[in-house]
């Protein structure tokens, strides 16, 4: 991973947590690639994850490419096993209405997403 990505990630996390970051738990959600080979360990839907006590920030992963030239600059997403439906005109941009609803639920619970 290049230094720019690591520094950017650190800055975003610092801003989300407050610079001191005391008492904050940040989790990644969305790349359930292990669930295919281990069905008993499937990652829960985002709305269920946000209902767990103690999670303060949920980072939705993964953006493979922020600006994908194959689709007029739209991002390329991979939310393995959570959402597989793409917009017809942008084959690598996922259309995930359930995840959009879960983001709202998470924010209503005070989680930063």
PDB file of N, CA and C in Angstrom:
ATOM      1  N   UNK A   1       0.865  -1.178   0.000  1.00  0.00           N
ATOM      2  CA  UNK A   1       0.000   0.000   0.000  1.00  0.00           C
ATOM      3  C   UNK A   1       0.903   1.230   0.000  1.00  0.00           C
ATOM      4  N   UNK A   2       0.589   2.201  -0.853  1.00  0.00           N
ATOM      5  CA  UNK A   2       1.499   3.335  -0.923  1.00  0.00           C
ATOM      6  C   UNK A   2       1.303   4.281   0.269  1.00  0.00           C
ATOM      7  N   UNK A   3       2.291   5.122   0.481  1.00  0.00           N
ATOM      8  CA  UNK A   3       2.295   6.014   1.656  1.00  0.00           C
ATOM      9  C   UNK A   3       1.135   6.996   1.634  1.00  0.00           C
ATOM     10  N   UNK A   4       0.750   7.478   0.459  1.00  0.00           N
ATOM     11  CA  UNK A   4      -0.351   8.434   0.362  1.00  0.00           C
ATOM     12  C   UNK A   4      -1.643   7.829   0.907  1.00  0.00           C
ATOM     13  N   UNK A   5      -1.920   6.564   0.533  1.00  0.00           N
ATOM     14  CA  UNK A   5      -3.139   5.898   1.001  1.00  0.00           C
ATOM     15  C   UNK A   5      -3.093   5.727   2.512  1.00  0.00           C
ATOM     16  N   UNK A   6      -1.962   5.312   3.041  1.00  0.00           N
ATOM     17  CA  UNK A   6      -1.845   5.120   4.488  1.00  0.00           C
ATOM     18  C   UNK A   6      -2.001   6.434   5.249  1.00  0.00           C
ATOM     19  N   UNK A   7      -1.371   7.487   4.772  1.00  0.00           N
ATOM     20  CA  UNK A   7      -1.487   8.790   5.424  1.00  0.00           C
ATOM     21  C   UNK A   7      -2.924   9.289   5.326  1.00  0.00           C
ATOM     22  N   UNK A   8      -3.554   9.131   4.168  1.00  0.00           N
ATOM     23  CA  UNK A   8      -4.941   9.560   3.994  1.00  0.00           C
ATOM     24  C   UNK A   8      -5.858   8.820   4.948  1.00  0.00           C
ATOM     25  N   UNK A   9      -5.668   7.514   5.069  1.00  0.00           N
ATOM     26  CA  UNK A   9      -6.485   6.719   5.982  1.00  0.00           C
ATOM     27  C   UNK A   9      -6.310   7.197   7.418  1.00  0.00           C
ATOM     28  N   UNK A  10      -5.081   7.460   7.816  1.00  0.00           N
ATOM     29  CA  UNK A  10      -4.816   7.948   9.162  1.00  0.00           C
ATOM     30  C   UNK A  10      -5.511   9.286   9.413  1.00  0.00           C
ATOM     31  N   UNK A  11      -5.428  10.199   8.444  1.00  0.00           N
ATOM     32  CA  UNK A  11      -6.051  11.515   8.600  1.00  0.00           C
ATOM     33  C   UNK A  11      -7.563  11.380   8.727  1.00  0.00           C
ATOM     34  N   UNK A  12      -8.174  10.556   7.883  1.00  0.00           N
ATOM     35  CA  UNK A  12      -9.629  10.358   7.953  1.00  0.00           C
ATOM     36  C   UNK A  12     -10.022   9.779   9.301  1.00  0.00           C
ATOM     37  N   UNK A  13      -9.315   8.757   9.749  1.00  0.00           N
ATOM     38  CA  UNK A  13      -9.633   8.161  11.049  1.00  0.00           C
ATOM     39  C   UNK A  13      -9.437   9.155  12.178  1.00  0.00           C
ATOM     40  N   UNK A  14      -8.394   9.953  12.115  1.00  0.00           N
ATOM     41  CA  UNK A  14      -8.158  10.953  13.161  1.00  0.00           C
ATOM     42  C   UNK A  14      -9.287  11.971  13.195  1.00  0.00           C
ATOM     43  N   UNK A  15      -9.749  12.397  12.033  1.00  0.00           N
ATOM     44  CA  UNK A  15     -10.844  13.364  11.995  1.00  0.00           C
ATOM     45  C   UNK A  15     -12.148  12.758  12.480  1.00  0.00           C
ATOM     46  N   UNK A  16     -12.414  11.510  12.118  1.00  0.00           N
ATOM     47  CA  UNK A  16     -13.641  10.862  12.556  1.00  0.00           C
ATOM     48  C   UNK A  16     -13.652  10.599  14.056  1.00  0.00           C
ATOM     49  N   UNK A  17     -12.501  10.265  14.599  1.00  0.00           N
ATOM     50  CA  UNK A  17     -12.420   9.892  16.012  1.00  0.00           C
ATOM     51  C   UNK A  17     -12.155  11.083  16.910  1.00  0.00           C
ATOM     52  N   UNK A  18     -11.833  12.208  16.361  1.00  0.00           N
ATOM     53  CA  UNK A  18     -11.272  13.274  17.170  1.00  0.00           C
ATOM     54  C   UNK A  18      -9.793  12.944  17.244  1.00  0.00           C
ATOM     55  N   UNK A  19      -8.965  13.918  17.325  1.00  0.00           N
ATOM     56  CA  UNK A  19      -7.528  13.667  17.262  1.00  0.00           C
ATOM     57  C   UNK A  19      -7.059  12.718  18.360  1.00  0.00           C
ATOM     58  N   UNK A  20      -7.655  12.807  19.546  1.00  0.00           N
ATOM     59  CA  UNK A  20      -7.198  11.933  20.624  1.00  0.00           C
ATOM     60  C   UNK A  20      -7.646  10.491  20.426  1.00  0.00           C
ATOM     61  N   UNK A  21      -8.834  10.279  19.794  1.00  0.00           N
ATOM     62  CA  UNK A  21      -9.292   8.930  19.489  1.00  0.00           C
ATOM     63  C   UNK A  21      -9.578   8.072  20.700  1.00  0.00           C
ATOM     64  N   UNK A  22      -9.731   8.634  21.867  1.00  0.00           N
ATOM     65  CA  UNK A  22      -9.944   7.849  23.085  1.00  0.00           C
ATOM     66  C   UNK A  22     -11.323   7.191  23.077  1.00  0.00           C
ATOM     67  N   UNK A  23     -11.341   5.909  23.376  1.00  0.00           N
ATOM     68  CA  UNK A  23     -12.585   5.200  23.547  1.00  0.00           C
ATOM     69  C   UNK A  23     -13.382   4.960  22.278  1.00  0.00           C
ATOM     70  N   UNK A  24     -12.759   5.032  21.124  1.00  0.00           N
ATOM     71  CA  UNK A  24     -13.468   4.823  19.859  1.00  0.00           C
ATOM     72  C   UNK A  24     -13.081   3.475  19.264  1.00  0.00           C
ATOM     73  N   UNK A  25     -14.082   2.745  18.775  1.00  0.00           N
ATOM     74  CA  UNK A  25     -13.808   1.486  18.099  1.00  0.00           C
ATOM     75  C   UNK A  25     -14.222   1.625  16.644  1.00  0.00           C
ATOM     76  N   UNK A  26     -13.260   1.446  15.750  1.00  0.00           N
ATOM     77  CA  UNK A  26     -13.467   1.577  14.316  1.00  0.00           C
ATOM     78  C   UNK A  26     -13.379   0.180  13.714  1.00  0.00           C
ATOM     79  N   UNK A  27     -14.379  -0.179  12.885  1.00  0.00           N
ATOM     80  CA  UNK A  27     -14.380  -1.491  12.237  1.00  0.00           C
ATOM     81  C   UNK A  27     -14.565  -1.317  10.734  1.00  0.00           C
ATOM     82  N   UNK A  28     -14.047  -2.279   9.992  1.00  0.00           N
ATOM     83  CA  UNK A  28     -14.261  -2.337   8.549  1.00  0.00           C
ATOM     84  C   UNK A  28     -15.398  -3.312   8.280  1.00  0.00           C
ATOM     85  N   UNK A  29     -16.261  -2.971   7.330  1.00  0.00           N
ATOM     86  CA  UNK A  29     -17.368  -3.840   6.950  1.00  0.00           C
ATOM     87  C   UNK A  29     -17.492  -3.865   5.433  1.00  0.00           C
ATOM     88  N   UNK A  30     -17.836  -5.011   4.878  1.00  0.00           N
ATOM     89  CA  UNK A  30     -18.183  -5.048   3.475  1.00  0.00           C
ATOM     90  C   UNK A  30     -17.419  -6.018   2.616  1.00  0.00           C
ATOM     91  N   UNK A  31     -16.311  -6.524   3.052  1.00  0.00           N
ATOM     92  CA  UNK A  31     -15.535  -7.455   2.236  1.00  0.00           C
ATOM     93  C   UNK A  31     -15.651  -8.839   2.859  1.00  0.00           C
ATOM     94  N   UNK A  32     -16.755  -9.496   2.574  1.00  0.00           N
ATOM     95  CA  UNK A  32     -17.037 -10.799   3.181  1.00  0.00           C
ATOM     96  C   UNK A  32     -16.515 -11.940   2.329  1.00  0.00           C
ATOM     97  N   UNK A  33     -15.304 -11.831   1.865  1.00  0.00           N
ATOM     98  CA  UNK A  33     -14.761 -12.857   0.975  1.00  0.00           C
ATOM     99  C   UNK A  33     -14.571 -14.191   1.683  1.00  0.00           C
ATOM    100  N   UNK A  34     -14.341 -14.201   2.989  1.00  0.00           N
ATOM    101  CA  UNK A  34     -14.154 -15.458   3.715  1.00  0.00           C
ATOM    102  C   UNK A  34     -15.478 -16.195   3.896  1.00  0.00           C
ATOM    103  N   UNK A  35     -16.588 -15.488   3.835  1.00  0.00           N
ATOM    104  CA  UNK A  35     -17.892 -16.112   4.044  1.00  0.00           C
ATOM    105  C   UNK A  35     -18.221 -17.182   3.026  1.00  0.00           C
ATOM    106  N   UNK A  36     -17.696 -17.066   1.823  1.00  0.00           N
ATOM    107  CA  UNK A  36     -17.969 -18.062   0.783  1.00  0.00           C
ATOM    108  C   UNK A  36     -17.414 -19.415   1.178  1.00  0.00           C
ATOM    109  N   UNK A  37     -16.207 -19.437   1.688  1.00  0.00           N
ATOM    110  CA  UNK A  37     -15.586 -20.710   2.046  1.00  0.00           C
ATOM    111  C   UNK A  37     -15.888 -21.136   3.478  1.00  0.00           C
ATOM    112  N   UNK A  38     -16.418 -20.222   4.284  1.00  0.00           N
ATOM    113  CA  UNK A  38     -16.772 -20.530   5.673  1.00  0.00           C
ATOM    114  C   UNK A  38     -18.189 -20.003   5.957  1.00  0.00           C
ATOM    115  N   UNK A  39     -19.239 -20.687   5.459  1.00  0.00           N
ATOM    116  CA  UNK A  39     -20.608 -20.165   5.558  1.00  0.00           C
ATOM    117  C   UNK A  39     -21.082 -19.898   6.988  1.00  0.00           C
ATOM    118  N   UNK A  40     -20.491 -20.530   7.969  1.00  0.00           N
ATOM    119  CA  UNK A  40     -20.891 -20.278   9.357  1.00  0.00           C
ATOM    120  C   UNK A  40     -20.347 -18.952   9.878  1.00  0.00           C
ATOM    121  N   UNK A  41     -19.451 -18.333   9.125  1.00  0.00           N
ATOM    122  CA  UNK A  41     -18.835 -17.084   9.543  1.00  0.00           C
ATOM    123  C   UNK A  41     -19.183 -15.922   8.626  1.00  0.00           C
ATOM    124  N   UNK A  42     -20.364 -15.949   8.020  1.00  0.00           N
ATOM    125  CA  UNK A  42     -20.751 -14.864   7.128  1.00  0.00           C
ATOM    126  C   UNK A  42     -20.823 -13.547   7.880  1.00  0.00           C
ATOM    127  N   UNK A  43     -20.370 -12.509   7.235  1.00  0.00           N
ATOM    128  CA  UNK A  43     -20.458 -11.174   7.818  1.00  0.00           C
ATOM    129  C   UNK A  43     -21.929 -10.749   7.847  1.00  0.00           C
ATOM    130  N   UNK A  44     -22.359 -10.191   8.958  1.00  0.00           N
ATOM    131  CA  UNK A  44     -23.743  -9.761   9.114  1.00  0.00           C
ATOM    132  C   UNK A  44     -24.023  -8.527   8.264  1.00  0.00           C
ATOM    133  N   UNK A  45     -25.299  -8.293   7.922  1.00  0.00           N
ATOM    134  CA  UNK A  45     -25.645  -7.061   7.215  1.00  0.00           C
ATOM    135  C   UNK A  45     -25.229  -5.837   8.030  1.00  0.00           C
ATOM    136  N   UNK A  46     -24.990  -4.746   7.350  1.00  0.00           N
ATOM    137  CA  UNK A  46     -24.508  -3.524   7.991  1.00  0.00           C
ATOM    138  C   UNK A  46     -25.419  -3.074   9.136  1.00  0.00           C
ATOM    139  N   UNK A  47     -26.734  -3.123   8.929  1.00  0.00           N
ATOM    140  CA  UNK A  47     -27.670  -2.697   9.977  1.00  0.00           C
ATOM    141  C   UNK A  47     -27.509  -3.493  11.259  1.00  0.00           C
ATOM    142  N   UNK A  48     -27.254  -4.783  11.145  1.00  0.00           N
ATOM    143  CA  UNK A  48     -27.037  -5.623  12.330  1.00  0.00           C
ATOM    144  C   UNK A  48     -25.707  -5.308  12.997  1.00  0.00           C
ATOM    145  N   UNK A  49     -24.694  -5.063  12.194  1.00  0.00           N
ATOM    146  CA  UNK A  49     -23.377  -4.725  12.752  1.00  0.00           C
ATOM    147  C   UNK A  49     -23.472  -3.456  13.593  1.00  0.00           C
ATOM    148  N   UNK A  50     -24.204  -2.468  13.099  1.00  0.00           N
ATOM    149  CA  UNK A  50     -24.319  -1.194  13.821  1.00  0.00           C
ATOM    150  C   UNK A  50     -25.101  -1.314  15.119  1.00  0.00           C
ATOM    151  N   UNK A  51     -25.893  -2.365  15.264  1.00  0.00           N
ATOM    152  CA  UNK A  51     -26.638  -2.562  16.496  1.00  0.00           C
ATOM    153  C   UNK A  51     -25.775  -3.122  17.626  1.00  0.00           C
ATOM    154  N   UNK A  52     -24.592  -3.595  17.276  1.00  0.00           N
ATOM    155  CA  UNK A  52     -23.685  -4.104  18.311  1.00  0.00           C
ATOM    156  C   UNK A  52     -23.195  -2.948  19.178  1.00  0.00           C
ATOM    157  N   UNK A  53     -23.199  -3.131  20.479  1.00  0.00           N
ATOM    158  CA  UNK A  53     -22.688  -2.062  21.338  1.00  0.00           C
ATOM    159  C   UNK A  53     -21.171  -1.924  21.188  1.00  0.00           C
ATOM    160  N   UNK A  54     -20.722  -0.716  21.291  1.00  0.00           N
ATOM    161  CA  UNK A  54     -19.287  -0.472  21.288  1.00  0.00           C
ATOM    162  C   UNK A  54     -18.708  -0.011  19.970  1.00  0.00           C
ATOM    163  N   UNK A  55     -19.377  -0.284  18.851  1.00  0.00           N
ATOM    164  CA  UNK A  55     -18.858   0.176  17.567  1.00  0.00           C
ATOM    165  C   UNK A  55     -19.209   1.651  17.398  1.00  0.00           C
ATOM    166  N   UNK A  56     -18.192   2.463  17.176  1.00  0.00           N
ATOM    167  CA  UNK A  56     -18.407   3.901  17.000  1.00  0.00           C
ATOM    168  C   UNK A  56     -18.389   4.310  15.534  1.00  0.00           C
ATOM    169  N   UNK A  57     -17.499   3.696  14.772  1.00  0.00           N
ATOM    170  CA  UNK A  57     -17.314   4.061  13.372  1.00  0.00           C
ATOM    171  C   UNK A  57     -17.238   2.783  12.552  1.00  0.00           C
ATOM    172  N   UNK A  58     -17.998   2.754  11.448  1.00  0.00           N
ATOM    173  CA  UNK A  58     -17.958   1.619  10.544  1.00  0.00           C
ATOM    174  C   UNK A  58     -17.503   2.136   9.185  1.00  0.00           C
ATOM    175  N   UNK A  59     -16.386   1.615   8.723  1.00  0.00           N
ATOM    176  CA  UNK A  59     -15.853   1.997   7.416  1.00  0.00           C
ATOM    177  C   UNK A  59     -16.322   0.956   6.416  1.00  0.00           C
ATOM    178  N   UNK A  60     -17.041   1.400   5.395  1.00  0.00           N
ATOM    179  CA  UNK A  60     -17.519   0.482   4.370  1.00  0.00           C
ATOM    180  C   UNK A  60     -16.377   0.242   3.386  1.00  0.00           C
ATOM    181  N   UNK A  61     -16.072  -1.027   3.205  1.00  0.00           N
ATOM    182  CA  UNK A  61     -14.946  -1.403   2.352  1.00  0.00           C
ATOM    183  C   UNK A  61     -15.457  -2.300   1.241  1.00  0.00           C
ATOM    184  N   UNK A  62     -14.996  -2.289   0.136  1.00  0.00           N
ATOM    185  CA  UNK A  62     -13.776  -1.696  -0.338  1.00  0.00           C
ATOM    186  C   UNK A  62     -14.027  -0.935  -1.625  1.00  0.00           C
ATOM    187  N   UNK A  63     -13.423   0.220  -1.698  1.00  0.00           N
ATOM    188  CA  UNK A  63     -13.374   0.973  -2.943  1.00  0.00           C
ATOM    189  C   UNK A  63     -12.091   0.527  -3.636  1.00  0.00           C
ATOM    190  N   UNK A  64     -12.253  -0.170  -4.743  1.00  0.00           N
ATOM    191  CA  UNK A  64     -11.100  -0.687  -5.479  1.00  0.00           C
ATOM    192  C   UNK A  64     -10.388   0.438  -6.215  1.00  0.00           C
ATOM    193  N   UNK A  65     -11.195   1.363  -6.763  1.00  0.00           N
ATOM    194  CA  UNK A  65     -10.647   2.483  -7.515  1.00  0.00           C
ATOM    195  C   UNK A  65     -11.580   3.679  -7.299  1.00  0.00           C
ATOM    196  N   UNK A  66     -11.047   4.796  -6.835  1.00  0.00           N
ATOM    197  CA  UNK A  66     -11.878   5.973  -6.588  1.00  0.00           C
ATOM    198  C   UNK A  66     -12.356   6.604  -7.889  1.00  0.00           C
ATOM    199  N   UNK A  67     -11.521   6.647  -8.888  1.00  0.00           N
ATOM    200  CA  UNK A  67     -11.870   7.212 -10.189  1.00  0.00           C
ATOM    201  C   UNK A  67     -11.512   6.165 -11.233  1.00  0.00           C
ATOM    202  N   UNK A  68     -12.528   5.469 -11.735  1.00  0.00           N
ATOM    203  CA  UNK A  68     -12.313   4.380 -12.683  1.00  0.00           C
ATOM    204  C   UNK A  68     -12.526   4.897 -14.105  1.00  0.00           C
ATOM    205  N   UNK A  69     -11.462   4.987 -14.904  1.00  0.00           N
ATOM    206  CA  UNK A  69     -11.608   5.511 -16.264  1.00  0.00           C
ATOM    207  C   UNK A  69     -12.489   4.628 -17.151  1.00  0.00           C
ATOM    208  N   UNK A  70     -12.683   3.360 -16.787  1.00  0.00           N
ATOM    209  CA  UNK A  70     -13.544   2.475 -17.578  1.00  0.00           C
ATOM    210  C   UNK A  70     -15.008   2.877 -17.490  1.00  0.00           C
ATOM    211  N   UNK A  71     -15.352   3.684 -16.468  1.00  0.00           N
ATOM    212  CA  UNK A  71     -16.754   4.063 -16.303  1.00  0.00           C
ATOM    213  C   UNK A  71     -16.902   5.550 -16.003  1.00  0.00           C
ATOM    214  N   UNK A  72     -16.244   6.337 -16.823  1.00  0.00           N
ATOM    215  CA  UNK A  72     -16.368   7.804 -16.785  1.00  0.00           C
ATOM    216  C   UNK A  72     -16.067   8.406 -15.417  1.00  0.00           C
ATOM    217  N   UNK A  73     -15.099   7.842 -14.728  1.00  0.00           N
ATOM    218  CA  UNK A  73     -14.659   8.430 -13.466  1.00  0.00           C
ATOM    219  C   UNK A  73     -15.450   8.025 -12.235  1.00  0.00           C
ATOM    220  N   UNK A  74     -16.429   7.142 -12.383  1.00  0.00           N
ATOM    221  CA  UNK A  74     -17.193   6.667 -11.221  1.00  0.00           C
ATOM    222  C   UNK A  74     -16.324   5.680 -10.444  1.00  0.00           C
ATOM    223  N   UNK A  75     -16.580   5.507  -9.136  1.00  0.00           N
ATOM    224  CA  UNK A  75     -15.756   4.572  -8.363  1.00  0.00           C
ATOM    225  C   UNK A  75     -16.055   3.114  -8.695  1.00  0.00           C
ATOM    226  N   UNK A  76     -15.109   2.259  -8.375  1.00  0.00           N
ATOM    227  CA  UNK A  76     -15.221   0.816  -8.550  1.00  0.00           C
ATOM    228  C   UNK A  76     -15.319   0.219  -7.145  1.00  0.00           C
ATOM    229  N   UNK A  77     -16.441  -0.432  -6.842  1.00  0.00           N
ATOM    230  CA  UNK A  77     -16.692  -0.971  -5.504  1.00  0.00           C
ATOM    231  C   UNK A  77     -16.688  -2.490  -5.516  1.00  0.00           C
ATOM    232  N   UNK A  78     -16.319  -3.083  -4.379  1.00  0.00           N
ATOM    233  CA  UNK A  78     -16.430  -4.519  -4.178  1.00  0.00           C
ATOM    234  C   UNK A  78     -16.920  -4.745  -2.755  1.00  0.00           C
ATOM    235  N   UNK A  79     -18.174  -5.132  -2.635  1.00  0.00           N
ATOM    236  CA  UNK A  79     -18.766  -5.440  -1.329  1.00  0.00           C
ATOM    237  C   UNK A  79     -19.120  -6.926  -1.303  1.00  0.00           C
ATOM    238  N   UNK A  80     -18.125  -7.748  -1.515  1.00  0.00           N
ATOM    239  CA  UNK A  80     -18.266  -9.182  -1.707  1.00  0.00           C
ATOM    240  C   UNK A  80     -19.380  -9.783  -0.854  1.00  0.00           C
ATOM    241  N   UNK A  81     -20.308 -10.437  -1.526  1.00  0.00           N
ATOM    242  CA  UNK A  81     -21.425 -11.166  -0.920  1.00  0.00           C
ATOM    243  C   UNK A  81     -22.492 -10.285  -0.283  1.00  0.00           C
ATOM    244  N   UNK A  82     -22.324  -8.990  -0.277  1.00  0.00           N
ATOM    245  CA  UNK A  82     -23.347  -8.102   0.271  1.00  0.00           C
ATOM    246  C   UNK A  82     -24.186  -7.474  -0.821  1.00  0.00           C
ATOM    247  N   UNK A  83     -23.572  -7.172  -1.931  1.00  0.00           N
ATOM    248  CA  UNK A  83     -24.258  -6.510  -3.029  1.00  0.00           C
ATOM    249  C   UNK A  83     -23.501  -6.818  -4.305  1.00  0.00           C
ATOM    250  N   UNK A  84     -24.221  -7.354  -5.266  1.00  0.00           N
ATOM    251  CA  UNK A  84     -23.587  -7.738  -6.521  1.00  0.00           C
ATOM    252  C   UNK A  84     -24.197  -7.017  -7.716  1.00  0.00           C
ATOM    253  N   UNK A  85     -25.239  -6.211  -7.501  1.00  0.00           N
ATOM    254  CA  UNK A  85     -25.963  -5.578  -8.597  1.00  0.00           C
ATOM    255  C   UNK A  85     -25.324  -4.243  -8.959  1.00  0.00           C
ATOM    256  N   UNK A  86     -24.933  -4.121 -10.205  1.00  0.00           N
ATOM    257  CA  UNK A  86     -24.305  -2.884 -10.678  1.00  0.00           C
ATOM    258  C   UNK A  86     -25.324  -2.056 -11.456  1.00  0.00           C
ATOM    259  N   UNK A  87     -25.035  -0.766 -11.558  1.00  0.00           N
ATOM    260  CA  UNK A  87     -25.821   0.089 -12.435  1.00  0.00           C
ATOM    261  C   UNK A  87     -25.521  -0.326 -13.871  1.00  0.00           C
ATOM    262  N   UNK A  88     -26.532  -0.380 -14.743  1.00  0.00           N
ATOM    263  CA  UNK A  88     -26.287  -0.845 -16.121  1.00  0.00           C
ATOM    264  C   UNK A  88     -25.214  -0.042 -16.859  1.00  0.00           C
ATOM    265  N   UNK A  89     -25.203   1.260 -16.685  1.00  0.00           N
ATOM    266  CA  UNK A  89     -24.235   2.086 -17.409  1.00  0.00           C
ATOM    267  C   UNK A  89     -22.859   2.107 -16.753  1.00  0.00           C
ATOM    268  N   UNK A  90     -22.764   1.635 -15.497  1.00  0.00           N
ATOM    269  CA  UNK A  90     -21.492   1.610 -14.768  1.00  0.00           C
ATOM    270  C   UNK A  90     -21.315   0.212 -14.163  1.00  0.00           C
ATOM    271  N   UNK A  91     -20.701  -0.703 -14.867  1.00  0.00           N
ATOM    272  CA  UNK A  91     -20.657  -2.102 -14.430  1.00  0.00           C
ATOM    273  C   UNK A  91     -19.861  -2.379 -13.153  1.00  0.00           C
ATOM    274  N   UNK A  92     -19.087  -1.404 -12.681  1.00  0.00           N
ATOM    275  CA  UNK A  92     -18.300  -1.624 -11.469  1.00  0.00           C
ATOM    276  C   UNK A  92     -18.772  -0.750 -10.309  1.00  0.00           C
ATOM    277  N   UNK A  93     -19.867  -0.027 -10.507  1.00  0.00           N
ATOM    278  CA  UNK A  93     -20.465   0.789  -9.445  1.00  0.00           C
ATOM    279  C   UNK A  93     -21.709   0.066  -8.963  1.00  0.00           C
ATOM    280  N   UNK A  94     -21.702  -0.347  -7.709  1.00  0.00           N
ATOM    281  CA  UNK A  94     -22.784  -1.168  -7.188  1.00  0.00           C
ATOM    282  C   UNK A  94     -23.998  -0.342  -6.792  1.00  0.00           C
ATOM    283  N   UNK A  95     -25.163  -0.890  -7.047  1.00  0.00           N
ATOM    284  CA  UNK A  95     -26.437  -0.290  -6.675  1.00  0.00           C
ATOM    285  C   UNK A  95     -26.988  -1.110  -5.512  1.00  0.00           C
ATOM    286  N   UNK A  96     -26.905  -0.583  -4.303  1.00  0.00           N
ATOM    287  CA  UNK A  96     -27.204  -1.352  -3.099  1.00  0.00           C
ATOM    288  C   UNK A  96     -28.217  -0.624  -2.207  1.00  0.00           C
ATOM    289  N   UNK A  97     -29.507  -0.654  -2.543  1.00  0.00           N
ATOM    290  CA  UNK A  97     -30.490   0.078  -1.742  1.00  0.00           C
ATOM    291  C   UNK A  97     -30.587  -0.417  -0.300  1.00  0.00           C
ATOM    292  N   UNK A  98     -30.367  -1.713  -0.062  1.00  0.00           N
ATOM    293  CA  UNK A  98     -30.428  -2.231   1.314  1.00  0.00           C
ATOM    294  C   UNK A  98     -29.293  -1.645   2.160  1.00  0.00           C
ATOM    295  N   UNK A  99     -28.127  -1.537   1.565  1.00  0.00           N
ATOM    296  CA  UNK A  99     -26.991  -0.953   2.283  1.00  0.00           C
ATOM    297  C   UNK A  99     -27.247   0.523   2.540  1.00  0.00           C
ATOM    298  N   UNK A 100     -27.845   1.213   1.583  1.00  0.00           N
ATOM    299  CA  UNK A 100     -28.182   2.630   1.781  1.00  0.00           C
ATOM    300  C   UNK A 100     -29.135   2.795   2.963  1.00  0.00           C
ATOM    301  N   UNK A 101     -30.130   1.917   3.068  1.00  0.00           N
ATOM    302  CA  UNK A 101     -31.060   1.964   4.203  1.00  0.00           C
ATOM    303  C   UNK A 101     -30.341   1.667   5.510  1.00  0.00           C
ATOM    304  N   UNK A 102     -29.420   0.708   5.476  1.00  0.00           N
ATOM    305  CA  UNK A 102     -28.659   0.368   6.683  1.00  0.00           C
ATOM    306  C   UNK A 102     -27.746   1.508   7.121  1.00  0.00           C
ATOM    307  N   UNK A 103     -27.209   2.261   6.176  1.00  0.00           N
ATOM    308  CA  UNK A 103     -26.381   3.419   6.539  1.00  0.00           C
ATOM    309  C   UNK A 103     -27.213   4.405   7.353  1.00  0.00           C
ATOM    310  N   UNK A 104     -28.430   4.647   6.924  1.00  0.00           N
ATOM    311  CA  UNK A 104     -29.324   5.561   7.662  1.00  0.00           C
ATOM    312  C   UNK A 104     -29.597   5.011   9.058  1.00  0.00           C
ATOM    313  N   UNK A 105     -29.878   3.700   9.163  1.00  0.00           N
ATOM    314  CA  UNK A 105     -30.113   3.080  10.476  1.00  0.00           C
ATOM    315  C   UNK A 105     -28.899   3.259  11.382  1.00  0.00           C
ATOM    316  N   UNK A 106     -27.723   3.029  10.824  1.00  0.00           N
ATOM    317  CA  UNK A 106     -26.486   3.159  11.607  1.00  0.00           C
ATOM    318  C   UNK A 106     -26.320   4.590  12.114  1.00  0.00           C
ATOM    319  N   UNK A 107     -26.558   5.546  11.243  1.00  0.00           N
ATOM    320  CA  UNK A 107     -26.413   6.946  11.639  1.00  0.00           C
ATOM    321  C   UNK A 107     -27.443   7.320  12.694  1.00  0.00           C
ATOM    322  N   UNK A 108     -28.637   6.762  12.613  1.00  0.00           N
ATOM    323  CA  UNK A 108     -29.659   7.017  13.642  1.00  0.00           C
ATOM    324  C   UNK A 108     -29.240   6.443  14.994  1.00  0.00           C
ATOM    325  N   UNK A 109     -28.425   5.398  14.956  1.00  0.00           N
ATOM    326  CA  UNK A 109     -27.887   4.808  16.192  1.00  0.00           C
ATOM    327  C   UNK A 109     -26.641   5.543  16.697  1.00  0.00           C
ATOM    328  N   UNK A 110     -26.246   6.605  15.994  1.00  0.00           N
ATOM    329  CA  UNK A 110     -25.095   7.399  16.411  1.00  0.00           C
ATOM    330  C   UNK A 110     -23.768   6.910  15.872  1.00  0.00           C
ATOM    331  N   UNK A 111     -23.815   5.951  14.958  1.00  0.00           N
ATOM    332  CA  UNK A 111     -22.571   5.449  14.361  1.00  0.00           C
ATOM    333  C   UNK A 111     -22.179   6.361  13.198  1.00  0.00           C
ATOM    334  N   UNK A 112     -20.902   6.547  13.036  1.00  0.00           N
ATOM    335  CA  UNK A 112     -20.377   7.255  11.860  1.00  0.00           C
ATOM    336  C   UNK A 112     -20.061   6.201  10.818  1.00  0.00           C
ATOM    337  N   UNK A 113     -20.551   6.426   9.606  1.00  0.00           N
ATOM    338  CA  UNK A 113     -20.355   5.456   8.529  1.00  0.00           C
ATOM    339  C   UNK A 113     -19.712   6.192   7.367  1.00  0.00           C
TER     340      UNK A 113
END
